[in-house]
Amino acid sequence: MKSYVFPGNIEDSILQIGGKPFPYMRTAQFSELVKDSERMLLHLINCPEGRVIFYTASGTGAMDAVVTNYVSQCEKAFIIVGGSFGHRWKNLCDYYHCPNEIFEVPFARDIDYVQLEERVRASRPDVFLCQHHETSTGQLYDMEKISAICKKYEVSLVVDAISSFLSDPLDMSGWGIDICITSSQKGLNIAPGLSFLFLSPRVL
């Protein structure tokens, strides 16, 4: 079995780009660079008709943006809490006074998906917040099962894929994910400091 640990050593050719001048942001050249980056990212996550919002922020900055601009418009959030990053969703929702309910998962264990469906059916939330891979425990959740539950009960699905993007299979369109979050320092293996919000056509 091959094991990959990120962040890893960044290739010299990538590091050298940071020492070169880059186009001024109000030029056509800069616009084309951003558009090309967006096309590449949408292809990699399989969401060709979506859009990407670029942040000069950590992944938590992007999570905050989702809660303040999207979750805050919903009546109730349902949160998978299986580690510190699940708790981060909970803390952000509480900070911004977004009504929420948590589903706790034992440390480094997978979700009981039968029990999860029962809770979602009873709770009837508007939006479902989870990690694809809970970085703090190393647990990869089954997004296909989560997606099927969200589709069945018409719940909007928001996924933190910061430590799974390009490291594990991830199909935003196929799994019906409405919003997905990732950042630069993990699977992309480039310098930290950027995060990305992927918006599905349905959200747009």
C-alpha atoms as a PDB file:
ATOM      1  CA  MET A   1       0.000   0.000   0.000  1.00  0.00           C
ATOM      2  CA  LYS A   2       1.302   3.442  -0.902  1.00  0.00           C
ATOM      3  CA  SER A   3       1.053   6.152   1.691  1.00  0.00           C
ATOM      4  CA  TYR A   4       1.075   9.860   0.931  1.00  0.00           C
ATOM      5  CA  VAL A   5       1.459  12.503   3.600  1.00  0.00           C
ATOM      6  CA  PHE A   6       0.669  16.168   2.885  1.00  0.00           C
ATOM      7  CA  PRO A   7       1.851  18.822   3.065  1.00  0.00           C
ATOM      8  CA  GLY A   8       5.020  17.418   1.548  1.00  0.00           C
ATOM      9  CA  ASN A   9       8.051  18.848  -0.171  1.00  0.00           C
ATOM     10  CA  ILE A  10       7.020  21.310  -2.871  1.00  0.00           C
ATOM     11  CA  GLU A  11       8.765  20.797  -6.220  1.00  0.00           C
ATOM     12  CA  ASP A  12      11.547  23.284  -6.993  1.00  0.00           C
ATOM     13  CA  SER A  13       9.864  24.358 -10.240  1.00  0.00           C
ATOM     14  CA  ILE A  14       6.757  25.339  -8.248  1.00  0.00           C
ATOM     15  CA  LEU A  15       8.741  27.126  -5.550  1.00  0.00           C
ATOM     16  CA  GLN A  16      10.587  29.183  -8.172  1.00  0.00           C
ATOM     17  CA  ILE A  17       7.319  30.616  -9.481  1.00  0.00           C
ATOM     18  CA  GLY A  18       6.931  32.482  -6.202  1.00  0.00           C
ATOM     19  CA  GLY A  19      10.143  34.394  -6.881  1.00  0.00           C
ATOM     20  CA  LYS A  20       9.011  35.692 -10.266  1.00  0.00           C
ATOM     21  CA  PRO A  21       6.912  38.779 -10.991  1.00  0.00           C
ATOM     22  CA  PHE A  22       3.247  38.049 -11.673  1.00  0.00           C
ATOM     23  CA  PRO A  23       0.694  40.033 -13.701  1.00  0.00           C
ATOM     24  CA  TYR A  24      -1.015  43.007 -12.105  1.00  0.00           C
ATOM     25  CA  MET A  25      -4.558  42.080 -11.052  1.00  0.00           C
ATOM     26  CA  ARG A  26      -6.321  44.553 -13.376  1.00  0.00           C
ATOM     27  CA  THR A  27      -4.749  43.192 -16.549  1.00  0.00           C
ATOM     28  CA  ALA A  28      -6.200  40.775 -19.093  1.00  0.00           C
ATOM     29  CA  GLN A  29      -3.243  38.481 -18.439  1.00  0.00           C
ATOM     30  CA  PHE A  30      -4.119  38.176 -14.734  1.00  0.00           C
ATOM     31  CA  SER A  31      -7.800  37.564 -15.560  1.00  0.00           C
ATOM     32  CA  GLU A  32      -6.867  34.777 -17.937  1.00  0.00           C
ATOM     33  CA  LEU A  33      -4.595  33.229 -15.300  1.00  0.00           C
ATOM     34  CA  VAL A  34      -7.465  33.149 -12.792  1.00  0.00           C
ATOM     35  CA  LYS A  35      -9.926  31.788 -15.370  1.00  0.00           C
ATOM     36  CA  ASP A  36      -7.458  29.078 -16.384  1.00  0.00           C
ATOM     37  CA  SER A  37      -6.947  28.117 -12.723  1.00  0.00           C
ATOM     38  CA  GLU A  38     -10.712  27.955 -12.239  1.00  0.00           C
ATOM     39  CA  ARG A  39     -11.148  25.699 -15.279  1.00  0.00           C
ATOM     40  CA  MET A  40      -8.416  23.380 -14.005  1.00  0.00           C
ATOM     41  CA  LEU A  41      -9.872  23.150 -10.497  1.00  0.00           C
ATOM     42  CA  LEU A  42     -13.419  22.520 -11.777  1.00  0.00           C
ATOM     43  CA  HIS A  43     -12.099  19.750 -14.011  1.00  0.00           C
ATOM     44  CA  LEU A  44     -10.198  18.120 -11.132  1.00  0.00           C
ATOM     45  CA  ILE A  45     -13.271  18.049  -8.870  1.00  0.00           C
ATOM     46  CA  ASN A  46     -15.712  17.209 -11.713  1.00  0.00           C
ATOM     47  CA  CYS A  47     -17.952  20.255 -11.570  1.00  0.00           C
ATOM     48  CA  PRO A  48     -17.536  21.720 -15.075  1.00  0.00           C
ATOM     49  CA  GLU A  49     -20.522  24.082 -14.887  1.00  0.00           C
ATOM     50  CA  GLY A  50     -19.686  25.399 -11.418  1.00  0.00           C
ATOM     51  CA  ARG A  51     -17.643  28.355 -10.215  1.00  0.00           C
ATOM     52  CA  VAL A  52     -14.693  28.786  -7.868  1.00  0.00           C
ATOM     53  CA  ILE A  53     -14.179  31.569  -5.337  1.00  0.00           C
ATOM     54  CA  PHE A  54     -10.510  32.092  -4.454  1.00  0.00           C
ATOM     55  CA  TYR A  55      -9.574  33.209  -0.938  1.00  0.00           C
ATOM     56  CA  THR A  56      -6.243  34.364   0.442  1.00  0.00           C
ATOM     57  CA  ALA A  57      -7.129  32.537   3.636  1.00  0.00           C
ATOM     58  CA  SER A  58      -6.848  29.208   5.389  1.00  0.00           C
ATOM     59  CA  GLY A  59      -9.448  26.501   4.935  1.00  0.00           C
ATOM     60  CA  THR A  60     -11.128  27.815   8.068  1.00  0.00           C
ATOM     61  CA  GLY A  61     -11.524  31.163   6.308  1.00  0.00           C
ATOM     62  CA  ALA A  62     -13.447  29.411   3.535  1.00  0.00           C
ATOM     63  CA  MET A  63     -15.544  27.495   6.067  1.00  0.00           C
ATOM     64  CA  ASP A  64     -16.367  30.805   7.748  1.00  0.00           C
ATOM     65  CA  ALA A  65     -17.437  32.249   4.399  1.00  0.00           C
ATOM     66  CA  VAL A  66     -19.801  29.319   3.836  1.00  0.00           C
ATOM     67  CA  VAL A  67     -21.422  29.721   7.250  1.00  0.00           C
ATOM     68  CA  THR A  68     -21.802  33.513   7.059  1.00  0.00           C
ATOM     69  CA  ASN A  69     -23.061  33.620   3.476  1.00  0.00           C
ATOM     70  CA  TYR A  70     -24.915  30.328   2.981  1.00  0.00           C
ATOM     71  CA  VAL A  71     -25.685  28.456   6.189  1.00  0.00           C
ATOM     72  CA  SER A  72     -26.939  31.661   7.796  1.00  0.00           C
ATOM     73  CA  GLN A  73     -29.705  31.757   5.162  1.00  0.00           C
ATOM     74  CA  CYS A  74     -30.926  28.274   6.164  1.00  0.00           C
ATOM     75  CA  GLU A  75     -33.250  27.376   9.010  1.00  0.00           C
ATOM     76  CA  LYS A  76     -31.166  24.509  10.383  1.00  0.00           C
ATOM     77  CA  ALA A  77     -27.776  22.874   9.828  1.00  0.00           C
ATOM     78  CA  PHE A  78     -26.931  19.234  10.507  1.00  0.00           C
ATOM     79  CA  ILE A  79     -23.258  18.655  11.365  1.00  0.00           C
ATOM     80  CA  ILE A  80     -21.117  15.506  11.404  1.00  0.00           C
ATOM     81  CA  VAL A  81     -18.746  15.809  14.379  1.00  0.00           C
ATOM     82  CA  GLY A  82     -16.091  13.117  14.318  1.00  0.00           C
ATOM     83  CA  GLY A  83     -13.052  15.195  15.229  1.00  0.00           C
ATOM     84  CA  SER A  84     -11.702  18.706  15.606  1.00  0.00           C
ATOM     85  CA  PHE A  85     -12.756  19.884  12.144  1.00  0.00           C
ATOM     86  CA  GLY A  86     -16.311  18.673  12.642  1.00  0.00           C
ATOM     87  CA  HIS A  87     -16.260  20.715  15.846  1.00  0.00           C
ATOM     88  CA  ARG A  88     -15.058  23.670  13.768  1.00  0.00           C
ATOM     89  CA  TRP A  89     -18.294  23.598  11.730  1.00  0.00           C
ATOM     90  CA  LYS A  90     -20.204  23.515  15.030  1.00  0.00           C
ATOM     91  CA  ASN A  91     -18.217  26.407  16.519  1.00  0.00           C
ATOM     92  CA  LEU A  92     -18.724  28.575  13.432  1.00  0.00           C
ATOM     93  CA  CYS A  93     -22.463  27.906  13.383  1.00  0.00           C
ATOM     94  CA  ASP A  94     -22.729  28.756  17.069  1.00  0.00           C
ATOM     95  CA  TYR A  95     -20.649  31.913  16.668  1.00  0.00           C
ATOM     96  CA  TYR A  96     -22.947  33.187  13.911  1.00  0.00           C
ATOM     97  CA  HIS A  97     -26.116  32.023  15.721  1.00  0.00           C
ATOM     98  CA  CYS A  98     -27.052  29.491  13.042  1.00  0.00           C
ATOM     99  CA  PRO A  99     -29.422  26.837  14.443  1.00  0.00           C
ATOM    100  CA  ASN A 100     -27.739  23.446  14.240  1.00  0.00           C
ATOM    101  CA  GLU A 101     -27.799  19.845  15.359  1.00  0.00           C
ATOM    102  CA  ILE A 102     -24.771  17.572  15.628  1.00  0.00           C
ATOM    103  CA  PHE A 103     -24.291  13.885  14.907  1.00  0.00           C
ATOM    104  CA  GLU A 104     -21.323  12.663  16.939  1.00  0.00           C
ATOM    105  CA  VAL A 105     -19.075   9.942  15.555  1.00  0.00           C
ATOM    106  CA  PRO A 106     -16.665   8.023  17.831  1.00  0.00           C
ATOM    107  CA  PHE A 107     -12.989   8.950  17.452  1.00  0.00           C
ATOM    108  CA  ALA A 108     -11.422   7.524  14.270  1.00  0.00           C
ATOM    109  CA  ARG A 109     -14.550   5.489  13.476  1.00  0.00           C
ATOM    110  CA  ASP A 110     -16.752   5.503  10.407  1.00  0.00           C
ATOM    111  CA  ILE A 111     -20.324   6.780  10.547  1.00  0.00           C
ATOM    112  CA  ASP A 112     -23.230   4.469  11.301  1.00  0.00           C
ATOM    113  CA  TYR A 113     -25.076   5.375   8.098  1.00  0.00           C
ATOM    114  CA  VAL A 114     -28.347   3.679   9.081  1.00  0.00           C
ATOM    115  CA  GLN A 115     -28.458   5.703  12.275  1.00  0.00           C
ATOM    116  CA  LEU A 116     -27.423   8.808  10.355  1.00  0.00           C
ATOM    117  CA  GLU A 117     -30.369   8.464   7.982  1.00  0.00           C
ATOM    118  CA  GLU A 118     -32.756   8.029  10.904  1.00  0.00           C
ATOM    119  CA  ARG A 119     -31.456  11.239  12.485  1.00  0.00           C
ATOM    120  CA  VAL A 120     -31.662  13.219   9.248  1.00  0.00           C
ATOM    121  CA  ARG A 121     -35.211  11.984   8.642  1.00  0.00           C
ATOM    122  CA  ALA A 122     -36.207  13.084  12.146  1.00  0.00           C
ATOM    123  CA  SER A 123     -34.271  16.384  12.086  1.00  0.00           C
ATOM    124  CA  ARG A 124     -35.236  17.594   8.591  1.00  0.00           C
ATOM    125  CA  PRO A 125     -32.359  20.071   8.264  1.00  0.00           C
ATOM    126  CA  ASP A 126     -31.847  22.428   5.319  1.00  0.00           C
ATOM    127  CA  VAL A 127     -28.083  21.977   5.033  1.00  0.00           C
ATOM    128  CA  PHE A 128     -25.679  19.156   5.890  1.00  0.00           C
ATOM    129  CA  LEU A 129     -22.086  20.044   6.899  1.00  0.00           C
ATOM    130  CA  CYS A 130     -19.328  17.460   6.986  1.00  0.00           C
ATOM    131  CA  GLN A 131     -15.739  16.594   6.223  1.00  0.00           C
ATOM    132  CA  HIS A 132     -14.985  14.103   3.470  1.00  0.00           C
ATOM    133  CA  HIS A 133     -11.862  13.136   5.400  1.00  0.00           C
ATOM    134  CA  GLU A 134     -11.672  14.125   9.068  1.00  0.00           C
ATOM    135  CA  THR A 135      -8.039  15.241   9.174  1.00  0.00           C
ATOM    136  CA  SER A 136      -7.718  15.078  12.953  1.00  0.00           C
ATOM    137  CA  THR A 137      -8.530  11.345  13.078  1.00  0.00           C
ATOM    138  CA  GLY A 138      -7.638  10.063   9.601  1.00  0.00           C
ATOM    139  CA  GLN A 139     -11.177   8.792   8.990  1.00  0.00           C
ATOM    140  CA  LEU A 140     -12.519   8.924   5.431  1.00  0.00           C
ATOM    141  CA  TYR A 141     -16.321   9.089   5.307  1.00  0.00           C
ATOM    142  CA  ASP A 142     -18.423   7.457   2.589  1.00  0.00           C
ATOM    143  CA  MET A 143     -19.617  10.448   0.594  1.00  0.00           C
ATOM    144  CA  GLU A 144     -21.745   8.327  -1.724  1.00  0.00           C
ATOM    145  CA  LYS A 145     -23.845   7.151   1.245  1.00  0.00           C
ATOM    146  CA  ILE A 146     -24.040  10.676   2.690  1.00  0.00           C
ATOM    147  CA  SER A 147     -24.998  12.035  -0.723  1.00  0.00           C
ATOM    148  CA  ALA A 148     -27.790   9.466  -1.118  1.00  0.00           C
ATOM    149  CA  ILE A 149     -29.244  10.468   2.276  1.00  0.00           C
ATOM    150  CA  CYS A 150     -29.091  14.178   1.416  1.00  0.00           C
ATOM    151  CA  LYS A 151     -30.748  13.606  -1.961  1.00  0.00           C
ATOM    152  CA  LYS A 152     -33.496  11.461  -0.409  1.00  0.00           C
ATOM    153  CA  TYR A 153     -34.430  14.145   2.138  1.00  0.00           C
ATOM    154  CA  GLU A 154     -33.646  17.158  -0.089  1.00  0.00           C
ATOM    155  CA  VAL A 155     -30.865  18.487   2.123  1.00  0.00           C
ATOM    156  CA  SER A 156     -28.181  20.782   0.704  1.00  0.00           C
ATOM    157  CA  LEU A 157     -24.743  19.148   1.007  1.00  0.00           C
ATOM    158  CA  VAL A 158     -21.620  21.133   1.965  1.00  0.00           C
ATOM    159  CA  VAL A 159     -18.320  19.256   2.183  1.00  0.00           C
ATOM    160  CA  ASP A 160     -14.903  20.169   3.564  1.00  0.00           C
ATOM    161  CA  ALA A 161     -12.558  18.258   1.245  1.00  0.00           C
ATOM    162  CA  ILE A 162      -9.388  20.014   2.357  1.00  0.00           C
ATOM    163  CA  SER A 163      -7.453  16.829   3.099  1.00  0.00           C
ATOM    164  CA  SER A 164      -9.099  14.581   0.491  1.00  0.00           C
ATOM    165  CA  PHE A 165      -8.995  16.694  -2.696  1.00  0.00           C
ATOM    166  CA  LEU A 166      -6.628  14.950  -5.160  1.00  0.00           C
ATOM    167  CA  SER A 167      -5.758  12.373  -2.480  1.00  0.00           C
ATOM    168  CA  ASP A 168      -8.993  10.353  -2.540  1.00  0.00           C
ATOM    169  CA  PRO A 169     -11.723   9.944  -5.176  1.00  0.00           C
ATOM    170  CA  LEU A 170     -13.974  13.021  -5.146  1.00  0.00           C
ATOM    171  CA  ASP A 171     -16.837  13.629  -7.579  1.00  0.00           C
ATOM    172  CA  MET A 172     -18.669  16.868  -6.817  1.00  0.00           C
ATOM    173  CA  SER A 173     -21.260  16.568  -9.594  1.00  0.00           C
ATOM    174  CA  GLY A 174     -21.751  12.825  -9.276  1.00  0.00           C
ATOM    175  CA  TRP A 175     -22.295  13.066  -5.538  1.00  0.00           C
ATOM    176  CA  GLY A 176     -24.560  16.103  -5.704  1.00  0.00           C
ATOM    177  CA  ILE A 177     -22.352  18.297  -3.515  1.00  0.00           C
ATOM    178  CA  ASP A 178     -23.623  21.886  -3.477  1.00  0.00           C
ATOM    179  CA  ILE A 179     -20.523  23.532  -2.002  1.00  0.00           C
ATOM    180  CA  CYS A 180     -17.069  22.048  -1.585  1.00  0.00           C
ATOM    181  CA  ILE A 181     -14.024  23.524   0.164  1.00  0.00           C
ATOM    182  CA  THR A 182     -10.336  22.824  -0.324  1.00  0.00           C
ATOM    183  CA  SER A 183      -7.026  24.595   0.123  1.00  0.00           C
ATOM    184  CA  SER A 184      -3.619  24.809  -1.477  1.00  0.00           C
ATOM    185  CA  GLN A 185      -1.288  23.024   0.934  1.00  0.00           C
ATOM    186  CA  LYS A 186      -2.650  19.463   0.873  1.00  0.00           C
ATOM    187  CA  GLY A 187      -3.403  17.502  -2.311  1.00  0.00           C
ATOM    188  CA  LEU A 188      -2.464  20.388  -4.613  1.00  0.00           C
ATOM    189  CA  ASN A 189       0.881  20.425  -2.757  1.00  0.00           C
ATOM    190  CA  ILE A 190       1.618  24.098  -3.354  1.00  0.00           C
ATOM    191  CA  ALA A 191       2.396  26.865  -0.890  1.00  0.00           C
ATOM    192  CA  PRO A 192      -0.197  27.368   1.875  1.00  0.00           C
ATOM    193  CA  GLY A 193      -2.313  30.495   2.054  1.00  0.00           C
ATOM    194  CA  LEU A 194      -5.037  29.893  -0.542  1.00  0.00           C
ATOM    195  CA  SER A 195      -8.421  28.257  -0.127  1.00  0.00           C
ATOM    196  CA  PHE A 196     -11.116  27.567  -2.683  1.00  0.00           C
ATOM    197  CA  LEU A 197     -14.896  27.409  -2.573  1.00  0.00           C
ATOM    198  CA  PHE A 198     -16.472  25.303  -5.326  1.00  0.00           C
ATOM    199  CA  LEU A 199     -20.079  26.295  -6.049  1.00  0.00           C
ATOM    200  CA  SER A 200     -22.377  23.915  -7.920  1.00  0.00           C
ATOM    201  CA  PRO A 201     -24.738  25.118 -10.669  1.00  0.00           C
ATOM    202  CA  ARG A 202     -27.667  24.542  -8.272  1.00  0.00           C
ATOM    203  CA  VAL A 203     -26.188  26.955  -5.708  1.00  0.00           C
ATOM    204  CA  LEU A 204     -25.369  29.492  -8.419  1.00  0.00           C
END
